[in-house]
Amino acid sequence: MVFDVNAARSRYAALADGSARFDGAAGTLVADAVADAVAGTLRAGVANRTSAFAAGRQSVAIVDAARAAVGDLLGAEPDGVVFGPSATALTYMVARTLAQSWRAGDEIVLSQLDHDANVRPWLQVAEGAGVTVRWASVNLVSGALPTGQFVDLVNSRTRLVAVTAASNVAGSRPDVRTIAAIAHRAGALCYVDGVHATPHLPIDVAALGADFYVTSAYKWSGPHIAACVAAPQTWEGLRPQKLLASSDVVPDRFEFGTPSFELLAGVTAAVDHLAALGGSDAGGSRRAQLIASMTAIHAYEAYVFAELLDGLSDIPGIWLCPADGPRCPTVSFRLAGQSPAHTAEALGRQDICTFAGDYYAVEYFTALGLRADGGAVRASIYHYNTVAEVHRLVAAVRMLAT
């Protein structure tokens, strides 16, 4: 299947401003259909959930539809989809809930490759419970997270292994399936940060072996809301702190307060938007359409990203953050003698959007020795980016390097 980038771009009114958007790793543009769904829900007069009248029943339907949509996107059961304001908030909720059963002498395994949202919550609850933290190290030459080290890190005392599905710095993709299998053989759970991977790949949480998988809709054309998925029976065994009168039914048990019905309508619209990008010949269920779309997106983004890597690699004095093996289409770089913030601001003046800093990858940039020195500049490819935009970015970086 050939991906039609022009058709995809026509679904984003915000692209009309002429900016070259290489900031997707920090948050993508919202698809037009998503904005329409959010606005339409706000105008529709929905009520809080109830079966007593039509507006309340409509809200029930919105929530159910969003759970089904995320289930299709990730290959998960709708009854195992828990929504929250952000991936960070959801990870804190799961961490605090799991830690209720942890005891001094237990251990968890964290990764230097991860965003701080999949590090700090676990560190903080581990400290409170007297749990030992063991670290999986990044190979700073290759940018990979070697899988073999987990055999030595995980043991009978391990309660949890937290790992990213893709680095938000350089796109490195650890072997999550093998890491999860190592955790499971020891009786531990595996919590996977899928925020950076989900926009670029077909995802099947069961195939990955993830006990928990968290993703943010605003990274895949949706609104600012997140979801954490797990098997319903996994959620059933957990008891978060919550209001006495709130529902104890899974997955509602883990969602605090009245949900944002308009944002949930936007989630469904975003998933439908992704499913439609594969073209009218995809056919089949929405899950089948999503697999076709995301497979085509992955191939297209890899093609555009190869152009970006080739162009940047040819610039004198540039340093590229290493990433061997499978990766998502993200690269971080620095220009010799130039602060990352200066580079990003200079590109911004040319309406080229990149980010500078550590992007919350605290442990990774600390290990590289670059966090105190401004981190790096990040450029990421999303399915609305074009080769022409890549050439524009490369030309601008080349000029800045001279």
Protein backbone atom coordinates (compact mmCIF):
# COMPACT_ATOMS: atom_id res chain seq x y z
CA MET A 1 0.00 0.00 0.00
CA VAL A 2 1.39 3.40 -1.04
CA PHE A 3 0.84 6.15 1.51
CA ASP A 4 -0.76 9.32 0.09
CA VAL A 5 0.89 12.15 2.01
CA ASN A 6 -1.02 14.85 0.14
CA ALA A 7 -4.33 13.30 1.12
CA ALA A 8 -3.12 13.06 4.71
CA ARG A 9 -1.99 16.69 4.77
CA SER A 10 -5.38 17.84 3.50
CA ARG A 11 -6.87 16.63 6.79
CA TYR A 12 -4.86 19.17 8.84
CA ALA A 13 -6.00 22.77 8.40
CA ALA A 14 -3.15 23.98 10.62
CA LEU A 15 -0.61 23.04 7.95
CA ALA A 16 -1.81 26.02 5.91
CA ASP A 17 0.42 28.32 7.97
CA GLY A 18 3.44 27.11 5.98
CA SER A 19 5.53 25.97 8.95
CA ALA A 20 7.62 22.83 8.61
CA ARG A 21 6.53 20.83 11.66
CA PHE A 22 9.31 18.60 12.95
CA ASP A 23 7.98 18.86 16.51
CA GLY A 24 5.63 15.87 16.41
CA ALA A 25 7.51 14.06 19.19
CA ALA A 26 6.41 16.85 21.51
CA GLY A 27 2.85 16.82 20.18
CA THR A 28 1.34 16.53 16.72
CA LEU A 29 -1.15 18.79 15.03
CA VAL A 30 -4.79 17.93 15.67
CA ALA A 31 -6.61 16.44 12.69
CA ASP A 32 -9.60 18.43 11.45
CA ALA A 33 -12.00 15.59 12.23
CA VAL A 34 -10.79 15.59 15.84
CA ALA A 35 -11.37 19.32 16.25
CA ASP A 36 -14.84 18.90 14.75
CA ALA A 37 -15.66 16.05 17.12
CA VAL A 38 -14.54 18.00 20.18
CA ALA A 39 -16.42 21.13 19.17
CA GLY A 40 -19.49 19.17 18.16
CA THR A 41 -19.65 17.43 21.52
CA LEU A 42 -19.35 20.72 23.36
CA ARG A 43 -22.24 22.09 21.31
CA ALA A 44 -24.40 18.98 21.64
CA GLY A 45 -25.57 19.50 25.20
CA VAL A 46 -24.30 16.22 26.63
CA ALA A 47 -24.82 15.58 30.33
CA ASN A 48 -23.04 13.53 32.95
CA ARG A 49 -23.47 9.80 32.48
CA THR A 50 -26.88 8.41 33.33
CA SER A 51 -29.45 6.07 31.80
CA ALA A 52 -32.31 8.36 32.85
CA PHE A 53 -32.36 10.67 29.81
CA ALA A 54 -30.94 10.95 26.30
CA ALA A 55 -28.11 13.42 26.94
CA GLY A 56 -26.76 11.23 29.75
CA ARG A 57 -27.02 8.12 27.61
CA GLN A 58 -25.08 9.92 24.89
CA SER A 59 -22.21 10.48 27.32
CA VAL A 60 -22.18 6.78 28.17
CA ALA A 61 -21.93 6.03 24.46
CA ILE A 62 -19.06 8.51 24.01
CA VAL A 63 -17.01 6.84 26.75
CA ASP A 64 -17.75 3.35 25.43
CA ALA A 65 -16.81 4.39 21.89
CA ALA A 66 -13.49 5.84 23.04
CA ARG A 67 -12.58 2.68 24.91
CA ALA A 68 -13.40 0.60 21.83
CA ALA A 69 -11.35 2.93 19.60
CA VAL A 70 -8.23 2.74 21.78
CA GLY A 71 -8.72 -1.01 22.04
CA ASP A 72 -8.64 -1.23 18.26
CA LEU A 73 -5.59 1.02 18.02
CA LEU A 74 -3.56 -1.03 20.48
CA GLY A 75 -5.03 -4.51 20.11
CA ALA A 76 -6.43 -4.30 23.64
CA GLU A 77 -9.74 -5.13 25.29
CA PRO A 78 -12.03 -2.07 25.59
CA ASP A 79 -12.82 -2.98 29.21
CA GLY A 80 -9.11 -2.68 29.98
CA VAL A 81 -8.77 0.90 28.69
CA VAL A 82 -8.34 3.49 31.46
CA PHE A 83 -8.31 7.19 30.57
CA GLY A 84 -6.49 10.00 32.36
CA PRO A 85 -5.24 13.55 31.77
CA SER A 86 -1.73 12.48 30.73
CA ALA A 87 0.60 9.51 30.51
CA THR A 88 2.46 10.95 33.49
CA ALA A 89 -0.68 11.12 35.63
CA LEU A 90 -1.69 7.58 34.68
CA THR A 91 1.76 6.21 35.47
CA TYR A 92 1.71 7.88 38.87
CA MET A 93 -1.70 6.34 39.54
CA VAL A 94 -0.55 2.84 38.58
CA ALA A 95 2.74 3.22 40.47
CA ARG A 96 1.01 4.29 43.69
CA THR A 97 -1.51 1.50 43.36
CA LEU A 98 1.02 -1.26 42.68
CA ALA A 99 3.33 -0.02 45.44
CA GLN A 100 0.66 -0.71 48.05
CA SER A 101 1.73 -4.36 47.94
CA TRP A 102 5.50 -3.75 47.73
CA ARG A 103 7.71 -4.41 50.71
CA ALA A 104 11.29 -3.61 51.72
CA GLY A 105 13.60 -5.99 49.90
CA ASP A 106 11.51 -6.02 46.75
CA GLU A 107 13.13 -4.70 43.57
CA ILE A 108 12.15 -2.88 40.39
CA VAL A 109 14.09 -2.36 37.15
CA LEU A 110 14.14 1.00 35.36
CA SER A 111 15.81 2.13 32.14
CA GLN A 112 18.19 4.99 31.37
CA LEU A 113 16.54 5.25 27.95
CA ASP A 114 13.15 6.30 29.30
CA HIS A 115 11.27 9.57 29.54
CA ASP A 116 11.11 10.73 33.14
CA ALA A 117 7.40 9.90 33.21
CA ASN A 118 8.38 6.22 33.24
CA VAL A 119 11.16 6.78 35.77
CA ARG A 120 10.31 9.34 38.46
CA PRO A 121 6.94 7.85 39.54
CA TRP A 122 8.57 4.46 40.11
CA LEU A 123 11.61 5.93 41.87
CA GLN A 124 9.41 7.90 44.23
CA VAL A 125 7.11 5.05 45.22
CA ALA A 126 10.09 2.70 45.53
CA GLU A 127 11.75 5.08 47.96
CA GLY A 128 8.58 5.25 50.03
CA ALA A 129 8.26 1.46 50.14
CA GLY A 130 11.94 0.71 50.75
CA VAL A 131 12.20 -1.03 47.39
CA THR A 132 15.57 -1.41 45.63
CA VAL A 133 15.91 0.16 42.17
CA ARG A 134 18.12 -1.51 39.59
CA TRP A 135 19.08 0.22 36.35
CA ALA A 136 19.23 -0.98 32.75
CA SER A 137 21.98 1.03 31.05
CA VAL A 138 22.04 2.51 27.57
CA ASN A 139 24.94 1.69 25.28
CA LEU A 140 26.14 5.23 24.66
CA VAL A 141 27.95 4.25 21.46
CA SER A 142 25.02 2.53 19.75
CA GLY A 143 22.13 4.21 21.57
CA ALA A 144 20.60 0.79 22.19
CA LEU A 145 19.24 -0.67 25.40
CA PRO A 146 20.95 -4.08 25.46
CA THR A 147 18.43 -6.82 26.18
CA GLY A 148 20.89 -9.27 27.72
CA GLN A 149 21.44 -7.14 30.82
CA PHE A 150 17.86 -7.77 31.94
CA VAL A 151 18.70 -11.43 32.58
CA ASP A 152 21.06 -10.27 35.34
CA LEU A 153 18.89 -7.38 36.55
CA VAL A 154 15.66 -9.35 37.00
CA ASN A 155 15.35 -11.95 39.76
CA SER A 156 12.80 -13.50 42.11
CA ARG A 157 12.59 -10.25 44.12
CA THR A 158 11.69 -8.14 41.07
CA ARG A 159 8.17 -6.79 41.13
CA LEU A 160 8.18 -4.59 38.04
CA VAL A 161 10.20 -3.77 34.93
CA ALA A 162 9.45 -0.36 33.36
CA VAL A 163 10.69 0.25 29.82
CA THR A 164 9.93 2.41 26.83
CA ALA A 165 8.77 1.04 23.48
CA ALA A 166 10.77 3.80 21.76
CA SER A 167 13.15 6.52 22.93
CA ASN A 168 11.83 10.06 22.54
CA VAL A 169 15.42 11.25 21.99
CA ALA A 170 16.65 9.12 19.10
CA GLY A 171 13.79 6.72 18.40
CA SER A 172 15.67 3.61 19.63
CA ARG A 173 13.28 0.68 20.03
CA PRO A 174 14.19 -1.81 22.75
CA ASP A 175 13.21 -5.46 22.38
CA VAL A 176 10.17 -5.09 24.61
CA ARG A 177 8.85 -8.57 23.85
CA THR A 178 12.02 -10.24 25.15
CA ILE A 179 12.32 -7.88 28.12
CA ALA A 180 8.71 -8.58 29.10
CA ALA A 181 9.29 -12.32 28.82
CA ILE A 182 12.30 -12.05 31.15
CA ALA A 183 10.15 -10.13 33.64
CA HIS A 184 7.32 -12.64 33.45
CA ARG A 185 9.59 -15.63 34.01
CA ALA A 186 10.53 -14.03 37.34
CA GLY A 187 6.89 -13.28 38.20
CA ALA A 188 7.28 -9.53 37.61
CA LEU A 189 5.05 -7.12 35.72
CA CYS A 190 6.14 -5.10 32.69
CA TYR A 191 5.00 -1.47 32.32
CA VAL A 192 5.61 -0.08 28.84
CA ASP A 193 5.71 3.59 27.88
CA GLY A 194 4.25 3.61 24.39
CA VAL A 195 3.92 7.36 24.02
CA HIS A 196 6.63 7.72 21.37
CA ALA A 197 6.03 4.40 19.58
CA THR A 198 2.26 4.49 19.07
CA PRO A 199 2.20 7.28 16.43
CA HIS A 200 4.61 5.40 14.15
CA LEU A 201 3.93 1.65 14.35
CA PRO A 202 1.14 -0.91 14.40
CA ILE A 203 0.85 -1.81 18.10
CA ASP A 204 -0.30 -5.09 19.65
CA VAL A 205 0.07 -4.95 23.41
CA ALA A 206 -0.47 -8.69 23.82
CA ALA A 207 2.26 -9.49 21.29
CA LEU A 208 4.59 -7.10 23.12
CA GLY A 209 3.90 -8.85 26.40
CA ALA A 210 3.09 -5.55 28.12
CA ASP A 211 1.07 -5.88 31.31
CA PHE A 212 0.45 -2.13 31.13
CA TYR A 213 0.86 0.10 28.07
CA VAL A 214 0.41 3.86 28.22
CA THR A 215 -0.10 6.24 25.30
CA SER A 216 -1.00 9.91 24.77
CA ALA A 217 -3.58 10.86 22.13
CA TYR A 218 -1.98 14.22 21.43
CA LYS A 219 1.01 12.37 19.99
CA TRP A 220 -1.21 10.77 17.31
CA SER A 221 -3.37 13.66 16.05
CA GLY A 222 -5.77 13.64 19.00
CA PRO A 223 -6.57 15.85 21.99
CA HIS A 224 -4.66 16.17 25.25
CA ILE A 225 -5.77 13.00 26.99
CA ALA A 226 -4.06 9.66 27.62
CA ALA A 227 -4.90 6.00 28.06
CA CYS A 228 -3.32 3.14 29.95
CA VAL A 229 -4.38 -0.34 28.87
CA ALA A 230 -4.11 -3.65 30.67
CA ALA A 231 -6.10 -6.86 30.73
CA PRO A 232 -9.36 -6.33 32.69
CA GLN A 233 -8.36 -9.11 35.09
CA THR A 234 -5.11 -7.25 35.83
CA TRP A 235 -7.05 -4.11 36.75
CA GLU A 236 -9.47 -6.21 38.85
CA GLY A 237 -6.68 -7.14 41.23
CA LEU A 238 -5.75 -3.53 41.97
CA ARG A 239 -7.35 -1.11 44.42
CA PRO A 240 -6.45 2.57 43.95
CA GLN A 241 -7.29 5.21 46.50
CA LYS A 242 -10.54 6.79 45.35
CA LEU A 243 -13.74 8.47 46.50
CA LEU A 244 -16.11 6.26 48.45
CA ALA A 245 -19.09 6.92 46.21
CA SER A 246 -17.24 6.53 42.90
CA SER A 247 -17.68 3.44 40.76
CA ASP A 248 -15.77 0.32 41.74
CA VAL A 249 -16.29 -1.29 38.35
CA VAL A 250 -13.27 -1.80 36.07
CA PRO A 251 -12.12 0.33 34.27
CA ASP A 252 -14.10 3.21 35.88
CA ARG A 253 -12.45 2.37 39.22
CA PHE A 254 -9.23 4.00 38.01
CA GLU A 255 -10.72 7.18 36.50
CA PHE A 256 -11.15 10.02 38.96
CA GLY A 257 -13.91 12.59 38.58
CA THR A 258 -16.21 13.26 35.66
CA PRO A 259 -14.54 12.39 32.34
CA SER A 260 -14.01 14.95 29.60
CA PHE A 261 -16.64 13.76 27.14
CA GLU A 262 -15.52 16.16 24.42
CA LEU A 263 -11.92 14.93 24.58
CA LEU A 264 -13.05 11.31 24.54
CA ALA A 265 -15.08 12.06 21.42
CA GLY A 266 -11.85 13.47 20.00
CA VAL A 267 -10.01 10.24 20.84
CA THR A 268 -12.47 8.21 18.80
CA ALA A 269 -12.19 10.69 15.93
CA ALA A 270 -8.39 10.50 16.05
CA VAL A 271 -8.41 6.70 15.85
CA ASP A 272 -10.90 6.82 12.98
CA HIS A 273 -8.67 9.40 11.28
CA LEU A 274 -5.65 7.10 11.52
CA ALA A 275 -7.69 4.14 10.27
CA ALA A 276 -8.77 6.10 7.19
CA LEU A 277 -5.24 7.05 6.15
CA GLY A 278 -4.69 3.63 4.63
CA GLY A 279 -7.12 4.45 1.83
CA SER A 280 -10.48 3.08 0.82
CA ASP A 281 -9.04 -0.28 -0.22
CA ALA A 282 -8.05 -1.25 3.33
CA GLY A 283 -11.46 -2.77 4.14
CA GLY A 284 -12.28 -5.05 7.03
CA SER A 285 -12.67 -4.10 10.68
CA ARG A 286 -11.34 -0.87 12.13
CA ARG A 287 -8.52 -2.89 13.70
CA ALA A 288 -7.60 -4.27 10.27
CA GLN A 289 -7.76 -0.80 8.77
CA LEU A 290 -5.51 0.54 11.52
CA ILE A 291 -2.92 -2.16 10.95
CA ALA A 292 -2.93 -1.36 7.22
CA SER A 293 -2.71 2.38 7.86
CA MET A 294 0.00 2.21 10.48
CA THR A 295 2.02 -0.20 8.36
CA ALA A 296 1.85 2.23 5.42
CA ILE A 297 2.65 5.17 7.72
CA HIS A 298 5.67 3.33 9.14
CA ALA A 299 7.06 2.68 5.66
CA TYR A 300 6.45 6.23 4.48
CA GLU A 301 7.98 7.81 7.59
CA ALA A 302 11.03 5.54 7.29
CA TYR A 303 11.54 6.77 3.71
CA VAL A 304 11.30 10.45 4.71
CA PHE A 305 13.46 9.87 7.78
CA ALA A 306 16.21 8.25 5.70
CA GLU A 307 16.35 11.47 3.68
CA LEU A 308 16.67 13.44 6.91
CA LEU A 309 19.45 11.27 8.32
CA ASP A 310 21.38 11.32 5.05
CA GLY A 311 21.11 15.10 4.82
CA LEU A 312 22.09 15.81 8.42
CA SER A 313 24.94 13.30 8.39
CA ASP A 314 26.58 15.20 5.54
CA ILE A 315 26.78 18.49 7.48
CA PRO A 316 30.26 19.34 8.83
CA GLY A 317 30.52 19.70 12.59
CA ILE A 318 27.20 18.02 13.41
CA TRP A 319 26.79 15.39 16.13
CA LEU A 320 23.90 12.94 15.82
CA CYS A 321 22.63 11.06 18.85
CA PRO A 322 23.34 7.38 18.08
CA ALA A 323 20.55 4.89 17.45
CA ASP A 324 21.43 1.53 15.91
CA GLY A 325 18.80 -1.02 14.98
CA PRO A 326 15.04 -0.51 14.64
CA ARG A 327 13.93 3.01 15.46
CA CYS A 328 11.11 5.46 15.21
CA PRO A 329 11.70 8.49 12.93
CA THR A 330 13.32 10.81 15.47
CA VAL A 331 16.82 12.24 15.62
CA SER A 332 18.59 14.53 18.08
CA PHE A 333 21.63 16.56 17.08
CA ARG A 334 24.01 19.35 18.07
CA LEU A 335 26.06 21.75 16.00
CA ALA A 336 29.66 22.34 17.04
CA GLY A 337 30.11 25.50 19.10
CA GLN A 338 26.38 26.24 19.19
CA SER A 339 23.90 25.77 22.00
CA PRO A 340 20.86 23.61 21.11
CA ALA A 341 18.54 26.42 22.21
CA HIS A 342 20.25 28.82 19.78
CA THR A 343 19.91 26.31 16.94
CA ALA A 344 16.21 25.69 17.60
CA GLU A 345 15.47 29.40 17.87
CA ALA A 346 17.31 30.13 14.63
CA LEU A 347 15.32 27.41 12.87
CA GLY A 348 12.13 28.75 14.42
CA ARG A 349 12.75 32.15 12.87
CA GLN A 350 12.55 30.33 9.53
CA ASP A 351 9.24 28.68 10.51
CA ILE A 352 10.94 25.33 11.03
CA CYS A 353 9.70 23.78 14.27
CA THR A 354 12.12 21.71 16.36
CA PHE A 355 12.68 21.33 20.09
CA ALA A 356 15.82 21.83 22.16
CA GLY A 357 16.59 20.54 25.65
CA ASP A 358 16.41 17.14 27.32
CA TYR A 359 12.73 16.45 26.45
CA TYR A 360 12.36 14.92 29.95
CA ALA A 361 14.85 12.16 29.06
CA VAL A 362 16.74 13.02 32.24
CA GLU A 363 18.68 9.80 32.77
CA TYR A 364 19.70 9.45 29.11
CA PHE A 365 21.03 12.98 28.71
CA THR A 366 22.74 12.77 32.11
CA ALA A 367 24.50 9.59 30.98
CA LEU A 368 25.55 11.32 27.77
CA GLY A 369 26.90 14.23 29.80
CA LEU A 370 24.78 16.69 27.84
CA ARG A 371 21.90 17.56 30.16
CA ALA A 372 23.71 20.39 31.95
CA ASP A 373 24.92 21.66 28.58
CA GLY A 374 21.50 22.16 26.99
CA GLY A 375 20.69 18.69 25.72
CA ALA A 376 20.22 18.57 21.95
CA VAL A 377 17.94 19.64 19.09
CA ARG A 378 15.23 17.14 18.17
CA ALA A 379 13.58 16.68 14.78
CA SER A 380 10.89 14.06 14.37
CA ILE A 381 8.99 12.88 11.31
CA TYR A 382 5.22 12.44 11.36
CA HIS A 383 3.04 11.22 8.52
CA TYR A 384 2.25 14.75 7.32
CA ASN A 385 5.92 15.63 6.80
CA THR A 386 7.36 15.63 3.27
CA VAL A 387 10.75 15.17 1.65
CA ALA A 388 10.58 18.80 0.53
CA GLU A 389 10.28 19.88 4.16
CA VAL A 390 13.24 17.67 5.04
CA HIS A 391 15.33 19.39 2.39
CA ARG A 392 14.25 22.74 3.83
CA LEU A 393 15.35 21.69 7.33
CA VAL A 394 18.67 20.25 6.16
CA ALA A 395 19.47 23.39 4.15
CA ALA A 396 18.72 25.58 7.15
CA VAL A 397 20.87 23.46 9.51
CA ARG A 398 23.70 23.52 6.98
CA MET A 399 23.58 27.31 6.86
CA LEU A 400 23.66 27.50 10.66
CA ALA A 401 26.67 25.17 10.74
CA THR A 402 28.81 27.43 8.53
